[in-house]
């Protein structure tokens, strides 16, 4: 049963991921695939980030995404992180802004988790056909 929070999050997720890059990464399929791992996981992914953080009107879309990315790095939830890195590029974050946010996380969560997140940034960029020299804005 979908809650209001989940539906609000799903609507917001689809709004943020609908772009020219949607065909490079199927966000809905990723979220739905987690139901096989745990029935509540897809609800958590959508409700927490998109239903709560991305629905905060006091933050810009870029700020909402950076907060979410930083939170997910701290939690060590890499599959969700990949989705939000994609969202970050969709809302205009550059690789420099994403990497900068990750670097600020090092003192609080440690280098290994940030290194894993940096690897995901490279992976997402490769899927989008971006190289480290390619402007992302």
N, C-alpha and C. Protein backbone atom coordinates (compact mmCIF):
# COMPACT_ATOMS: atom_id res chain seq x y z
N UNK A 1 0.84 -1.18 0.00
CA UNK A 1 0.00 0.00 0.00
C UNK A 1 0.89 1.25 0.00
N UNK A 2 0.70 2.08 -0.96
CA UNK A 2 1.51 3.29 -1.07
C UNK A 2 1.00 4.36 -0.11
N UNK A 3 1.92 4.93 0.64
CA UNK A 3 1.56 6.02 1.55
C UNK A 3 1.63 7.34 0.80
N UNK A 4 1.09 8.38 1.41
CA UNK A 4 1.18 9.71 0.80
C UNK A 4 2.64 10.12 0.64
N UNK A 5 3.43 9.81 1.64
CA UNK A 5 4.86 10.16 1.61
C UNK A 5 5.56 9.43 0.46
N UNK A 6 5.23 8.15 0.29
CA UNK A 6 5.83 7.37 -0.80
C UNK A 6 5.39 7.94 -2.16
N UNK A 7 4.10 8.22 -2.30
CA UNK A 7 3.61 8.73 -3.58
C UNK A 7 4.20 10.11 -3.87
N UNK A 8 4.29 10.96 -2.85
CA UNK A 8 4.91 12.28 -3.02
C UNK A 8 6.37 12.10 -3.46
N UNK A 9 7.04 11.14 -2.84
CA UNK A 9 8.43 10.86 -3.21
C UNK A 9 8.57 10.31 -4.61
N UNK A 10 7.68 9.39 -4.98
CA UNK A 10 7.72 8.82 -6.33
C UNK A 10 7.46 9.89 -7.38
N UNK A 11 6.50 10.75 -7.14
CA UNK A 11 6.22 11.85 -8.07
C UNK A 11 7.42 12.78 -8.19
N UNK A 12 8.04 13.09 -7.06
CA UNK A 12 9.21 13.99 -7.07
C UNK A 12 10.38 13.32 -7.77
N UNK A 13 10.57 12.01 -7.54
CA UNK A 13 11.66 11.28 -8.19
C UNK A 13 11.48 11.34 -9.71
N UNK A 14 10.28 11.08 -10.18
CA UNK A 14 10.05 11.07 -11.62
C UNK A 14 10.24 12.46 -12.21
N UNK A 15 9.89 13.49 -11.46
CA UNK A 15 10.10 14.86 -11.92
C UNK A 15 11.59 15.16 -12.07
N UNK A 16 12.39 14.69 -11.11
CA UNK A 16 13.82 14.99 -11.12
C UNK A 16 14.60 14.14 -12.11
N UNK A 17 14.15 12.94 -12.39
CA UNK A 17 14.92 12.08 -13.29
C UNK A 17 14.45 12.15 -14.73
N UNK A 18 13.36 12.85 -15.00
CA UNK A 18 12.90 12.96 -16.38
C UNK A 18 13.75 14.00 -17.09
N UNK A 19 14.68 13.51 -17.86
CA UNK A 19 15.57 14.37 -18.62
C UNK A 19 16.11 13.59 -19.80
N UNK A 20 17.01 14.21 -20.51
CA UNK A 20 17.61 13.53 -21.66
C UNK A 20 18.41 12.30 -21.26
N UNK A 21 18.76 12.19 -19.97
CA UNK A 21 19.58 11.07 -19.50
C UNK A 21 18.75 9.92 -18.93
N UNK A 22 17.44 10.04 -18.93
CA UNK A 22 16.60 9.01 -18.35
C UNK A 22 16.86 7.66 -18.98
N UNK A 23 17.11 7.63 -20.27
CA UNK A 23 17.31 6.34 -20.93
C UNK A 23 18.66 5.71 -20.63
N UNK A 24 19.55 6.40 -19.95
CA UNK A 24 20.84 5.80 -19.59
C UNK A 24 20.78 5.10 -18.24
N UNK A 25 19.72 5.35 -17.49
CA UNK A 25 19.62 4.76 -16.16
C UNK A 25 18.14 4.71 -15.78
N UNK A 26 17.60 3.52 -15.58
CA UNK A 26 16.19 3.37 -15.26
C UNK A 26 15.99 3.40 -13.74
N UNK A 27 15.68 4.57 -13.23
CA UNK A 27 15.55 4.77 -11.79
C UNK A 27 14.41 3.95 -11.20
N UNK A 28 13.28 3.91 -11.87
CA UNK A 28 12.13 3.18 -11.34
C UNK A 28 12.43 1.69 -11.27
N UNK A 29 13.07 1.16 -12.31
CA UNK A 29 13.42 -0.26 -12.32
C UNK A 29 14.38 -0.58 -11.17
N UNK A 30 15.34 0.31 -10.93
CA UNK A 30 16.27 0.10 -9.83
C UNK A 30 15.52 0.05 -8.50
N UNK A 31 14.65 1.01 -8.27
CA UNK A 31 13.91 1.06 -7.00
C UNK A 31 13.03 -0.18 -6.86
N UNK A 32 12.34 -0.55 -7.91
CA UNK A 32 11.46 -1.72 -7.84
C UNK A 32 12.24 -3.02 -7.63
N UNK A 33 13.47 -3.08 -8.14
CA UNK A 33 14.26 -4.30 -7.99
C UNK A 33 14.63 -4.57 -6.53
N UNK A 34 14.65 -3.56 -5.70
CA UNK A 34 14.99 -3.73 -4.29
C UNK A 34 13.89 -4.43 -3.49
N UNK A 35 12.68 -4.47 -4.04
CA UNK A 35 11.59 -5.18 -3.34
C UNK A 35 11.92 -6.65 -3.16
N UNK A 36 12.70 -7.22 -4.09
CA UNK A 36 13.06 -8.63 -3.96
C UNK A 36 14.03 -8.86 -2.80
N UNK A 37 14.77 -7.84 -2.43
CA UNK A 37 15.69 -7.94 -1.29
C UNK A 37 14.96 -7.75 0.03
N UNK A 38 14.08 -6.77 0.05
CA UNK A 38 13.33 -6.46 1.26
C UNK A 38 12.09 -5.68 0.83
N UNK A 39 10.95 -6.09 1.27
CA UNK A 39 9.68 -5.48 0.85
C UNK A 39 9.63 -3.98 1.14
N UNK A 40 10.25 -3.54 2.23
CA UNK A 40 10.17 -2.14 2.64
C UNK A 40 11.29 -1.26 2.07
N UNK A 41 12.29 -1.86 1.44
CA UNK A 41 13.45 -1.08 0.99
C UNK A 41 13.09 -0.03 -0.05
N UNK A 42 12.28 -0.38 -1.03
CA UNK A 42 11.93 0.60 -2.05
C UNK A 42 11.13 1.75 -1.44
N UNK A 43 10.29 1.44 -0.47
CA UNK A 43 9.55 2.50 0.22
C UNK A 43 10.51 3.43 0.95
N UNK A 44 11.50 2.86 1.62
CA UNK A 44 12.48 3.67 2.34
C UNK A 44 13.24 4.58 1.37
N UNK A 45 13.67 4.03 0.25
CA UNK A 45 14.45 4.80 -0.73
C UNK A 45 13.64 6.00 -1.23
N UNK A 46 12.42 5.74 -1.61
CA UNK A 46 11.60 6.80 -2.20
C UNK A 46 11.09 7.76 -1.13
N UNK A 47 10.59 7.23 -0.03
CA UNK A 47 9.98 8.08 1.00
C UNK A 47 11.00 8.97 1.69
N UNK A 48 12.14 8.41 2.05
CA UNK A 48 13.15 9.18 2.78
C UNK A 48 13.71 10.32 1.93
N UNK A 49 14.34 9.97 0.83
CA UNK A 49 15.02 11.00 0.05
C UNK A 49 14.05 11.87 -0.73
N UNK A 50 13.25 11.24 -1.55
CA UNK A 50 12.39 12.03 -2.44
C UNK A 50 11.15 12.56 -1.72
N UNK A 51 10.60 11.79 -0.80
CA UNK A 51 9.41 12.23 -0.09
C UNK A 51 9.70 13.24 1.01
N UNK A 52 10.90 13.17 1.58
CA UNK A 52 11.25 14.08 2.67
C UNK A 52 12.24 15.16 2.21
N UNK A 53 13.46 14.76 1.92
CA UNK A 53 14.51 15.75 1.59
C UNK A 53 14.16 16.54 0.33
N UNK A 54 13.78 15.84 -0.75
CA UNK A 54 13.53 16.53 -2.01
C UNK A 54 12.22 17.31 -2.00
N UNK A 55 11.43 17.16 -0.98
CA UNK A 55 10.19 17.93 -0.89
C UNK A 55 10.33 19.15 0.01
N UNK A 56 11.52 19.40 0.53
CA UNK A 56 11.77 20.57 1.38
C UNK A 56 11.84 21.81 0.49
N UNK A 57 10.94 22.73 0.69
CA UNK A 57 10.90 23.91 -0.18
C UNK A 57 11.96 24.95 0.21
N UNK A 58 12.57 24.81 1.38
CA UNK A 58 13.59 25.76 1.82
C UNK A 58 14.96 25.53 1.19
N UNK A 59 15.11 24.43 0.45
CA UNK A 59 16.38 24.11 -0.21
C UNK A 59 16.19 24.09 -1.71
N UNK A 60 17.22 24.50 -2.44
CA UNK A 60 17.19 24.37 -3.89
C UNK A 60 17.31 22.89 -4.26
N UNK A 61 17.01 22.55 -5.50
CA UNK A 61 17.15 21.16 -5.93
C UNK A 61 18.59 20.68 -5.77
N UNK A 62 19.54 21.54 -6.08
CA UNK A 62 20.94 21.16 -5.93
C UNK A 62 21.28 20.92 -4.47
N UNK A 63 20.81 21.78 -3.58
CA UNK A 63 21.07 21.59 -2.15
C UNK A 63 20.41 20.32 -1.64
N UNK A 64 19.19 20.05 -2.08
CA UNK A 64 18.50 18.83 -1.68
C UNK A 64 19.31 17.61 -2.09
N UNK A 65 19.86 17.64 -3.30
CA UNK A 65 20.63 16.50 -3.80
C UNK A 65 21.94 16.36 -3.04
N UNK A 66 22.62 17.46 -2.76
CA UNK A 66 23.89 17.36 -2.03
C UNK A 66 23.66 16.85 -0.61
N UNK A 67 22.58 17.27 0.04
CA UNK A 67 22.25 16.75 1.37
C UNK A 67 22.01 15.25 1.30
N UNK A 68 21.26 14.83 0.30
CA UNK A 68 20.95 13.41 0.15
C UNK A 68 22.20 12.61 -0.13
N UNK A 69 23.04 13.09 -1.04
CA UNK A 69 24.29 12.38 -1.37
C UNK A 69 25.16 12.26 -0.11
N UNK A 70 25.33 13.34 0.62
CA UNK A 70 26.15 13.30 1.83
C UNK A 70 25.59 12.34 2.86
N UNK A 71 24.28 12.34 3.03
CA UNK A 71 23.65 11.43 3.99
C UNK A 71 23.85 9.98 3.58
N UNK A 72 23.67 9.70 2.30
CA UNK A 72 23.79 8.31 1.84
C UNK A 72 25.23 7.82 1.88
N UNK A 73 26.19 8.71 1.66
CA UNK A 73 27.60 8.32 1.80
C UNK A 73 27.85 7.93 3.25
N UNK A 74 27.35 8.72 4.17
CA UNK A 74 27.54 8.43 5.59
C UNK A 74 26.89 7.10 5.98
N UNK A 75 25.76 6.79 5.38
CA UNK A 75 25.07 5.55 5.69
C UNK A 75 25.67 4.35 4.95
N UNK A 76 26.48 4.62 3.93
CA UNK A 76 27.11 3.54 3.17
C UNK A 76 26.14 2.82 2.26
N UNK A 77 25.16 3.52 1.74
CA UNK A 77 24.14 2.90 0.89
C UNK A 77 24.43 3.20 -0.58
N UNK A 78 25.35 2.45 -1.14
CA UNK A 78 25.82 2.73 -2.49
C UNK A 78 24.78 2.60 -3.59
N UNK A 79 23.89 1.60 -3.57
CA UNK A 79 22.90 1.55 -4.66
C UNK A 79 22.03 2.80 -4.72
N UNK A 80 21.60 3.29 -3.56
CA UNK A 80 20.82 4.53 -3.53
C UNK A 80 21.67 5.71 -3.96
N UNK A 81 22.90 5.70 -3.56
CA UNK A 81 23.80 6.79 -3.88
C UNK A 81 23.94 6.98 -5.39
N UNK A 82 24.03 5.88 -6.11
CA UNK A 82 24.15 5.96 -7.57
C UNK A 82 22.94 6.69 -8.17
N UNK A 83 21.78 6.37 -7.69
CA UNK A 83 20.56 7.02 -8.16
C UNK A 83 20.63 8.53 -7.91
N UNK A 84 21.12 8.92 -6.74
CA UNK A 84 21.14 10.34 -6.39
C UNK A 84 22.29 11.10 -7.06
N UNK A 85 23.35 10.43 -7.39
CA UNK A 85 24.40 11.07 -8.18
C UNK A 85 23.84 11.39 -9.57
N UNK A 86 23.09 10.44 -10.14
CA UNK A 86 22.41 10.71 -11.41
C UNK A 86 21.47 11.89 -11.28
N UNK A 87 20.70 11.91 -10.21
CA UNK A 87 19.78 13.02 -9.98
C UNK A 87 20.55 14.33 -9.87
N UNK A 88 21.70 14.29 -9.20
CA UNK A 88 22.52 15.49 -9.08
C UNK A 88 22.90 16.07 -10.43
N UNK A 89 23.32 15.23 -11.33
CA UNK A 89 23.65 15.71 -12.67
C UNK A 89 22.40 16.25 -13.37
N UNK A 90 21.26 15.60 -13.14
CA UNK A 90 20.02 16.05 -13.77
C UNK A 90 19.58 17.43 -13.29
N UNK A 91 19.89 17.77 -12.03
CA UNK A 91 19.47 19.07 -11.50
C UNK A 91 20.57 20.13 -11.61
N UNK A 92 21.64 19.81 -12.33
CA UNK A 92 22.66 20.81 -12.62
C UNK A 92 23.89 20.80 -11.75
N UNK A 93 24.03 19.80 -10.87
CA UNK A 93 25.28 19.72 -10.11
C UNK A 93 26.41 19.34 -11.06
N UNK A 94 27.56 19.89 -10.82
CA UNK A 94 28.74 19.52 -11.60
C UNK A 94 29.51 18.46 -10.85
N UNK A 95 30.42 17.81 -11.55
CA UNK A 95 31.25 16.80 -10.87
C UNK A 95 32.07 17.47 -9.78
N UNK A 96 32.46 18.71 -9.98
CA UNK A 96 33.24 19.42 -8.96
C UNK A 96 32.43 19.65 -7.69
N UNK A 97 31.14 19.99 -7.85
CA UNK A 97 30.30 20.20 -6.67
C UNK A 97 30.06 18.89 -5.93
N UNK A 98 29.82 17.82 -6.68
CA UNK A 98 29.59 16.53 -6.05
C UNK A 98 30.85 16.05 -5.33
N UNK A 99 31.98 16.13 -6.02
CA UNK A 99 33.25 15.71 -5.41
C UNK A 99 33.57 16.58 -4.20
N UNK A 100 33.31 17.87 -4.29
CA UNK A 100 33.54 18.77 -3.16
C UNK A 100 32.72 18.38 -1.94
N UNK A 101 31.44 18.05 -2.16
CA UNK A 101 30.59 17.61 -1.05
C UNK A 101 31.13 16.32 -0.44
N UNK A 102 31.60 15.42 -1.30
CA UNK A 102 32.15 14.16 -0.80
C UNK A 102 33.42 14.38 0.01
N UNK A 103 34.28 15.24 -0.46
CA UNK A 103 35.53 15.52 0.25
C UNK A 103 35.24 16.08 1.64
N UNK A 104 34.20 16.91 1.77
CA UNK A 104 33.85 17.45 3.08
C UNK A 104 33.35 16.38 4.04
N UNK A 105 32.96 15.23 3.51
CA UNK A 105 32.48 14.13 4.36
C UNK A 105 33.62 13.33 4.99
N UNK A 106 34.83 13.42 4.46
CA UNK A 106 35.94 12.58 4.91
C UNK A 106 36.17 12.64 6.43
N UNK A 107 36.24 13.83 7.04
CA UNK A 107 36.51 13.86 8.49
C UNK A 107 35.43 13.18 9.32
N UNK A 108 34.23 13.10 8.80
CA UNK A 108 33.11 12.58 9.58
C UNK A 108 32.84 11.10 9.35
N UNK A 109 33.12 10.62 8.15
CA UNK A 109 32.77 9.23 7.85
C UNK A 109 33.96 8.39 7.40
N UNK A 110 35.07 9.04 7.14
CA UNK A 110 36.25 8.30 6.76
C UNK A 110 36.48 8.22 5.25
N UNK A 111 37.72 8.02 4.91
CA UNK A 111 38.11 8.00 3.51
C UNK A 111 37.54 6.81 2.73
N UNK A 112 37.49 5.59 3.31
CA UNK A 112 37.01 4.45 2.49
C UNK A 112 35.61 4.64 1.91
N UNK A 113 34.68 5.15 2.70
CA UNK A 113 33.32 5.37 2.17
C UNK A 113 33.30 6.45 1.10
N UNK A 114 34.09 7.49 1.30
CA UNK A 114 34.15 8.56 0.31
C UNK A 114 34.80 8.04 -0.97
N UNK A 115 35.83 7.22 -0.84
CA UNK A 115 36.47 6.63 -2.01
C UNK A 115 35.47 5.78 -2.80
N UNK A 116 34.65 5.01 -2.10
CA UNK A 116 33.61 4.23 -2.77
C UNK A 116 32.64 5.15 -3.52
N UNK A 117 32.28 6.26 -2.90
CA UNK A 117 31.37 7.20 -3.54
C UNK A 117 32.02 7.85 -4.76
N UNK A 118 33.30 8.17 -4.67
CA UNK A 118 34.00 8.74 -5.83
C UNK A 118 34.04 7.76 -6.99
N UNK A 119 34.17 6.48 -6.67
CA UNK A 119 34.12 5.45 -7.70
C UNK A 119 32.75 5.44 -8.37
N UNK A 120 31.70 5.61 -7.58
CA UNK A 120 30.36 5.67 -8.15
C UNK A 120 30.16 6.90 -9.03
N UNK A 121 30.77 8.02 -8.65
CA UNK A 121 30.69 9.22 -9.48
C UNK A 121 31.32 8.92 -10.85
N UNK A 122 32.47 8.28 -10.85
CA UNK A 122 33.12 7.92 -12.12
C UNK A 122 32.24 6.98 -12.93
N UNK A 123 31.62 6.01 -12.26
CA UNK A 123 30.76 5.05 -12.94
C UNK A 123 29.56 5.74 -13.59
N UNK A 124 28.93 6.64 -12.85
CA UNK A 124 27.77 7.38 -13.37
C UNK A 124 28.21 8.24 -14.56
N UNK A 125 29.34 8.90 -14.41
CA UNK A 125 29.83 9.74 -15.51
C UNK A 125 30.09 8.89 -16.76
N UNK A 126 30.68 7.73 -16.59
CA UNK A 126 30.94 6.85 -17.73
C UNK A 126 29.63 6.42 -18.39
N UNK A 127 28.63 6.09 -17.59
CA UNK A 127 27.32 5.71 -18.14
C UNK A 127 26.68 6.85 -18.91
N UNK A 128 26.98 8.07 -18.53
CA UNK A 128 26.44 9.24 -19.21
C UNK A 128 27.33 9.69 -20.37
N UNK A 129 28.43 8.99 -20.57
CA UNK A 129 29.34 9.36 -21.65
C UNK A 129 30.21 10.56 -21.33
N UNK A 130 30.40 10.81 -20.06
CA UNK A 130 31.23 11.94 -19.62
C UNK A 130 32.60 11.45 -19.22
N UNK A 131 33.59 12.24 -19.49
CA UNK A 131 34.95 11.95 -19.04
C UNK A 131 35.32 12.99 -17.97
N UNK A 132 36.40 12.76 -17.23
CA UNK A 132 36.77 13.76 -16.21
C UNK A 132 36.99 15.16 -16.80
N UNK A 133 37.33 15.23 -18.07
CA UNK A 133 37.56 16.53 -18.70
C UNK A 133 36.29 17.15 -19.24
N UNK A 134 35.20 16.37 -19.34
CA UNK A 134 33.95 16.86 -19.91
C UNK A 134 33.24 17.76 -18.93
N UNK A 135 32.86 18.97 -19.35
CA UNK A 135 32.06 19.80 -18.44
C UNK A 135 30.71 19.14 -18.20
N UNK A 136 30.24 19.15 -16.95
CA UNK A 136 28.98 18.50 -16.62
C UNK A 136 27.86 19.50 -16.39
N UNK A 137 28.15 20.79 -16.54
CA UNK A 137 27.09 21.77 -16.29
C UNK A 137 26.45 22.25 -17.55
